[in-house]
Amino acid sequence: MEPRRFPVWLYIILLLIILALAASPLISAMVAGWVAEANHCRLDEGGIHPCLVNGTDIGPDLYTFFVLGWLMLATLPLGAIALAIWLAILIIHLVIHLRRKSNPPQSAASQ
């Protein structure tokens, strides 16, 4: 019986999900800032300012996305905790996988 391959892709996908969820408020605030700057609009936490883009006021949306950046006060520490748990599970799984690979189980017929 051939040993199973280590599920590298599973760990990569989980890592990307953790990083995306942890960084999403920061990315939201940065994108809002870039859009406001590109359109010469004022953007701050003090209030909603008008920002006309193609005749549409996107000021309220920019404000919402910018203020969502404050969620990073929760998502970054939680992401760090999730990353530490992910790393611990990865190391444990890798050690178990390598031990099984180096010491394959003996079959009943060869004893």
C-alpha atoms as a PDB file:
ATOM      1  CA  MET A   1       0.000   0.000   0.000  1.00  0.00           C
ATOM      2  CA  GLU A   2       1.440   3.340  -1.077  1.00  0.00           C
ATOM      3  CA  PRO A   3       1.454   6.142   1.520  1.00  0.00           C
ATOM      4  CA  ARG A   4      -0.831   9.104   0.920  1.00  0.00           C
ATOM      5  CA  ARG A   5       0.600  12.320  -0.405  1.00  0.00           C
ATOM      6  CA  PHE A   6       0.808  15.271   1.954  1.00  0.00           C
ATOM      7  CA  PRO A   7      -2.135  17.668   1.290  1.00  0.00           C
ATOM      8  CA  VAL A   8      -0.042  20.756   0.487  1.00  0.00           C
ATOM      9  CA  TRP A   9      -2.818  22.417  -1.502  1.00  0.00           C
ATOM     10  CA  LEU A  10      -5.237  22.161   1.392  1.00  0.00           C
ATOM     11  CA  TYR A  11      -2.824  24.017   3.649  1.00  0.00           C
ATOM     12  CA  ILE A  12      -2.128  26.663   0.997  1.00  0.00           C
ATOM     13  CA  ILE A  13      -5.844  27.277   0.456  1.00  0.00           C
ATOM     14  CA  LEU A  14      -6.469  27.535   4.202  1.00  0.00           C
ATOM     15  CA  LEU A  15      -3.551  29.960   4.549  1.00  0.00           C
ATOM     16  CA  LEU A  16      -4.930  32.158   1.768  1.00  0.00           C
ATOM     17  CA  ILE A  17      -8.390  32.166   3.385  1.00  0.00           C
ATOM     18  CA  ILE A  18      -6.929  33.170   6.772  1.00  0.00           C
ATOM     19  CA  LEU A  19      -4.855  35.953   5.216  1.00  0.00           C
ATOM     20  CA  ALA A  20      -7.753  37.237   3.098  1.00  0.00           C
ATOM     21  CA  LEU A  21     -10.165  37.373   6.028  1.00  0.00           C
ATOM     22  CA  ALA A  22      -7.630  38.988   8.339  1.00  0.00           C
ATOM     23  CA  ALA A  23      -6.573  41.622   5.818  1.00  0.00           C
ATOM     24  CA  SER A  24      -9.952  42.385   4.206  1.00  0.00           C
ATOM     25  CA  PRO A  25     -10.767  45.467   6.346  1.00  0.00           C
ATOM     26  CA  LEU A  26      -7.327  46.902   5.675  1.00  0.00           C
ATOM     27  CA  ILE A  27      -7.687  46.251   1.951  1.00  0.00           C
ATOM     28  CA  SER A  28     -11.148  47.838   2.011  1.00  0.00           C
ATOM     29  CA  ALA A  29      -9.819  51.030   3.587  1.00  0.00           C
ATOM     30  CA  MET A  30      -6.855  51.176   1.223  1.00  0.00           C
ATOM     31  CA  VAL A  31      -9.022  50.756  -1.874  1.00  0.00           C
ATOM     32  CA  ALA A  32     -11.425  53.451  -0.643  1.00  0.00           C
ATOM     33  CA  GLY A  33      -8.462  55.764  -0.117  1.00  0.00           C
ATOM     34  CA  TRP A  34      -7.091  55.078  -3.591  1.00  0.00           C
ATOM     35  CA  VAL A  35     -10.476  55.672  -5.235  1.00  0.00           C
ATOM     36  CA  ALA A  36     -10.957  58.904  -3.299  1.00  0.00           C
ATOM     37  CA  GLU A  37      -7.456  60.096  -4.151  1.00  0.00           C
ATOM     38  CA  ALA A  38      -7.800  59.199  -7.837  1.00  0.00           C
ATOM     39  CA  ASN A  39     -11.014  61.237  -8.016  1.00  0.00           C
ATOM     40  CA  HIS A  40      -9.712  64.145  -5.870  1.00  0.00           C
ATOM     41  CA  CYS A  41     -12.275  63.516  -3.136  1.00  0.00           C
ATOM     42  CA  ARG A  42     -11.985  64.163   0.570  1.00  0.00           C
ATOM     43  CA  LEU A  43     -12.126  61.029   2.717  1.00  0.00           C
ATOM     44  CA  ASP A  44     -11.894  60.827   6.499  1.00  0.00           C
ATOM     45  CA  GLU A  45     -13.673  59.277   9.476  1.00  0.00           C
ATOM     46  CA  GLY A  46     -15.203  62.616  10.408  1.00  0.00           C
ATOM     47  CA  GLY A  47     -18.137  62.300   8.066  1.00  0.00           C
ATOM     48  CA  ILE A  48     -19.424  61.601   4.599  1.00  0.00           C
ATOM     49  CA  HIS A  49     -18.146  63.956   1.930  1.00  0.00           C
ATOM     50  CA  PRO A  50     -19.529  64.164  -1.608  1.00  0.00           C
ATOM     51  CA  CYS A  51     -17.463  62.402  -4.260  1.00  0.00           C
ATOM     52  CA  LEU A  52     -18.799  62.545  -7.783  1.00  0.00           C
ATOM     53  CA  VAL A  53     -17.613  59.865 -10.182  1.00  0.00           C
ATOM     54  CA  ASN A  54     -19.308  59.788 -13.593  1.00  0.00           C
ATOM     55  CA  GLY A  55     -22.172  61.872 -12.177  1.00  0.00           C
ATOM     56  CA  THR A  56     -22.790  59.520  -9.234  1.00  0.00           C
ATOM     57  CA  ASP A  57     -22.057  60.394  -5.619  1.00  0.00           C
ATOM     58  CA  ILE A  58     -19.990  57.534  -4.213  1.00  0.00           C
ATOM     59  CA  GLY A  59     -19.085  59.431  -1.042  1.00  0.00           C
ATOM     60  CA  PRO A  60     -21.296  57.327   1.283  1.00  0.00           C
ATOM     61  CA  ASP A  61     -19.880  54.089  -0.138  1.00  0.00           C
ATOM     62  CA  LEU A  62     -16.295  55.327   0.145  1.00  0.00           C
ATOM     63  CA  TYR A  63     -16.939  56.377   3.732  1.00  0.00           C
ATOM     64  CA  THR A  64     -18.386  52.949   4.568  1.00  0.00           C
ATOM     65  CA  PHE A  65     -15.461  51.078   3.037  1.00  0.00           C
ATOM     66  CA  PHE A  66     -12.984  53.428   4.709  1.00  0.00           C
ATOM     67  CA  VAL A  67     -14.532  53.102   8.174  1.00  0.00           C
ATOM     68  CA  LEU A  68     -14.690  49.299   7.782  1.00  0.00           C
ATOM     69  CA  GLY A  69     -10.909  49.500   8.083  1.00  0.00           C
ATOM     70  CA  TRP A  70     -11.378  49.807  11.851  1.00  0.00           C
ATOM     71  CA  LEU A  71     -12.463  46.161  11.868  1.00  0.00           C
ATOM     72  CA  MET A  72      -8.811  45.279  11.410  1.00  0.00           C
ATOM     73  CA  LEU A  73      -8.441  45.897  15.144  1.00  0.00           C
ATOM     74  CA  ALA A  74     -10.312  42.611  15.517  1.00  0.00           C
ATOM     75  CA  THR A  75      -9.446  40.722  12.338  1.00  0.00           C
ATOM     76  CA  LEU A  76      -5.653  41.131  12.476  1.00  0.00           C
ATOM     77  CA  PRO A  77      -5.267  39.642  16.000  1.00  0.00           C
ATOM     78  CA  LEU A  78      -7.786  36.909  15.209  1.00  0.00           C
ATOM     79  CA  GLY A  79      -5.949  36.232  11.956  1.00  0.00           C
ATOM     80  CA  ALA A  80      -2.664  35.975  13.861  1.00  0.00           C
ATOM     81  CA  ILE A  81      -4.229  33.455  16.251  1.00  0.00           C
ATOM     82  CA  ALA A  82      -5.677  31.478  13.338  1.00  0.00           C
ATOM     83  CA  LEU A  83      -2.285  31.584  11.628  1.00  0.00           C
ATOM     84  CA  ALA A  84      -0.558  30.231  14.752  1.00  0.00           C
ATOM     85  CA  ILE A  85      -3.108  27.402  14.998  1.00  0.00           C
ATOM     86  CA  TRP A  86      -2.712  26.697  11.271  1.00  0.00           C
ATOM     87  CA  LEU A  87       1.075  26.534  11.646  1.00  0.00           C
ATOM     88  CA  ALA A  88       0.888  24.218  14.677  1.00  0.00           C
ATOM     89  CA  ILE A  89      -1.475  21.838  12.866  1.00  0.00           C
ATOM     90  CA  LEU A  90       0.729  21.942   9.759  1.00  0.00           C
ATOM     91  CA  ILE A  91       3.858  21.043  11.740  1.00  0.00           C
ATOM     92  CA  ILE A  92       2.117  18.236  13.645  1.00  0.00           C
ATOM     93  CA  HIS A  93       0.599  16.828  10.455  1.00  0.00           C
ATOM     94  CA  LEU A  94       3.925  17.043   8.617  1.00  0.00           C
ATOM     95  CA  VAL A  95       5.813  15.273  11.421  1.00  0.00           C
ATOM     96  CA  ILE A  96       3.217  12.478  11.529  1.00  0.00           C
ATOM     97  CA  HIS A  97       3.285  12.190   7.740  1.00  0.00           C
ATOM     98  CA  LEU A  98       7.094  11.985   7.615  1.00  0.00           C
ATOM     99  CA  ARG A  99       7.193   9.378  10.416  1.00  0.00           C
ATOM    100  CA  ARG A 100       4.659   7.203   8.627  1.00  0.00           C
ATOM    101  CA  LYS A 101       6.571   7.589   5.372  1.00  0.00           C
ATOM    102  CA  SER A 102       9.905   6.598   6.935  1.00  0.00           C
ATOM    103  CA  ASN A 103       8.400   3.715   8.961  1.00  0.00           C
ATOM    104  CA  PRO A 104       5.708   2.102   6.829  1.00  0.00           C
ATOM    105  CA  PRO A 105       3.390  -0.307   8.689  1.00  0.00           C
ATOM    106  CA  GLN A 106       4.337  -3.987   8.419  1.00  0.00           C
ATOM    107  CA  SER A 107       1.834  -6.168   6.657  1.00  0.00           C
ATOM    108  CA  ALA A 108       0.575  -9.376   8.291  1.00  0.00           C
ATOM    109  CA  ALA A 109       1.898 -11.483   5.367  1.00  0.00           C
ATOM    110  CA  SER A 110       5.534 -10.418   5.879  1.00  0.00           C
ATOM    111  CA  GLN A 111       5.633 -11.342   9.575  1.00  0.00           C
END
